[in-house]
């Protein structure tokens, strides 16, 4: 079991930036893939960004060119750098590390 703690969310104006962090602890396996998802009220949980086991990175279409996912395997931390944030990016953001999910963190973008 992997325990995850997300941080870095909050309120930002349109066009602003935030960096989310997801600190992992517990039974971390080096082969685990990692990802960020988000969910807005009344909508399904959607993939934002994913680092595959082999290192390939994929992004959701709506965040390409604006968001960057990265991981630090020494610190066991996953990051999501979010630039040029828009009101449609408002959601609860969840990190996933292997089979484990974080509790979620709110990101609100005001227009």
Foldseek 3Di string as FASTA:
>chain_A
DKAKDKDWADEEEAQAKIKMKIFIDDPADLQWKKFKWWDDPPDDIGTAWIQHSVGDIDGDPVQPPFWDWDADPVRRMIMIIGGRDDQVVFTWMWMDTRPDIYPTDTHGYHD
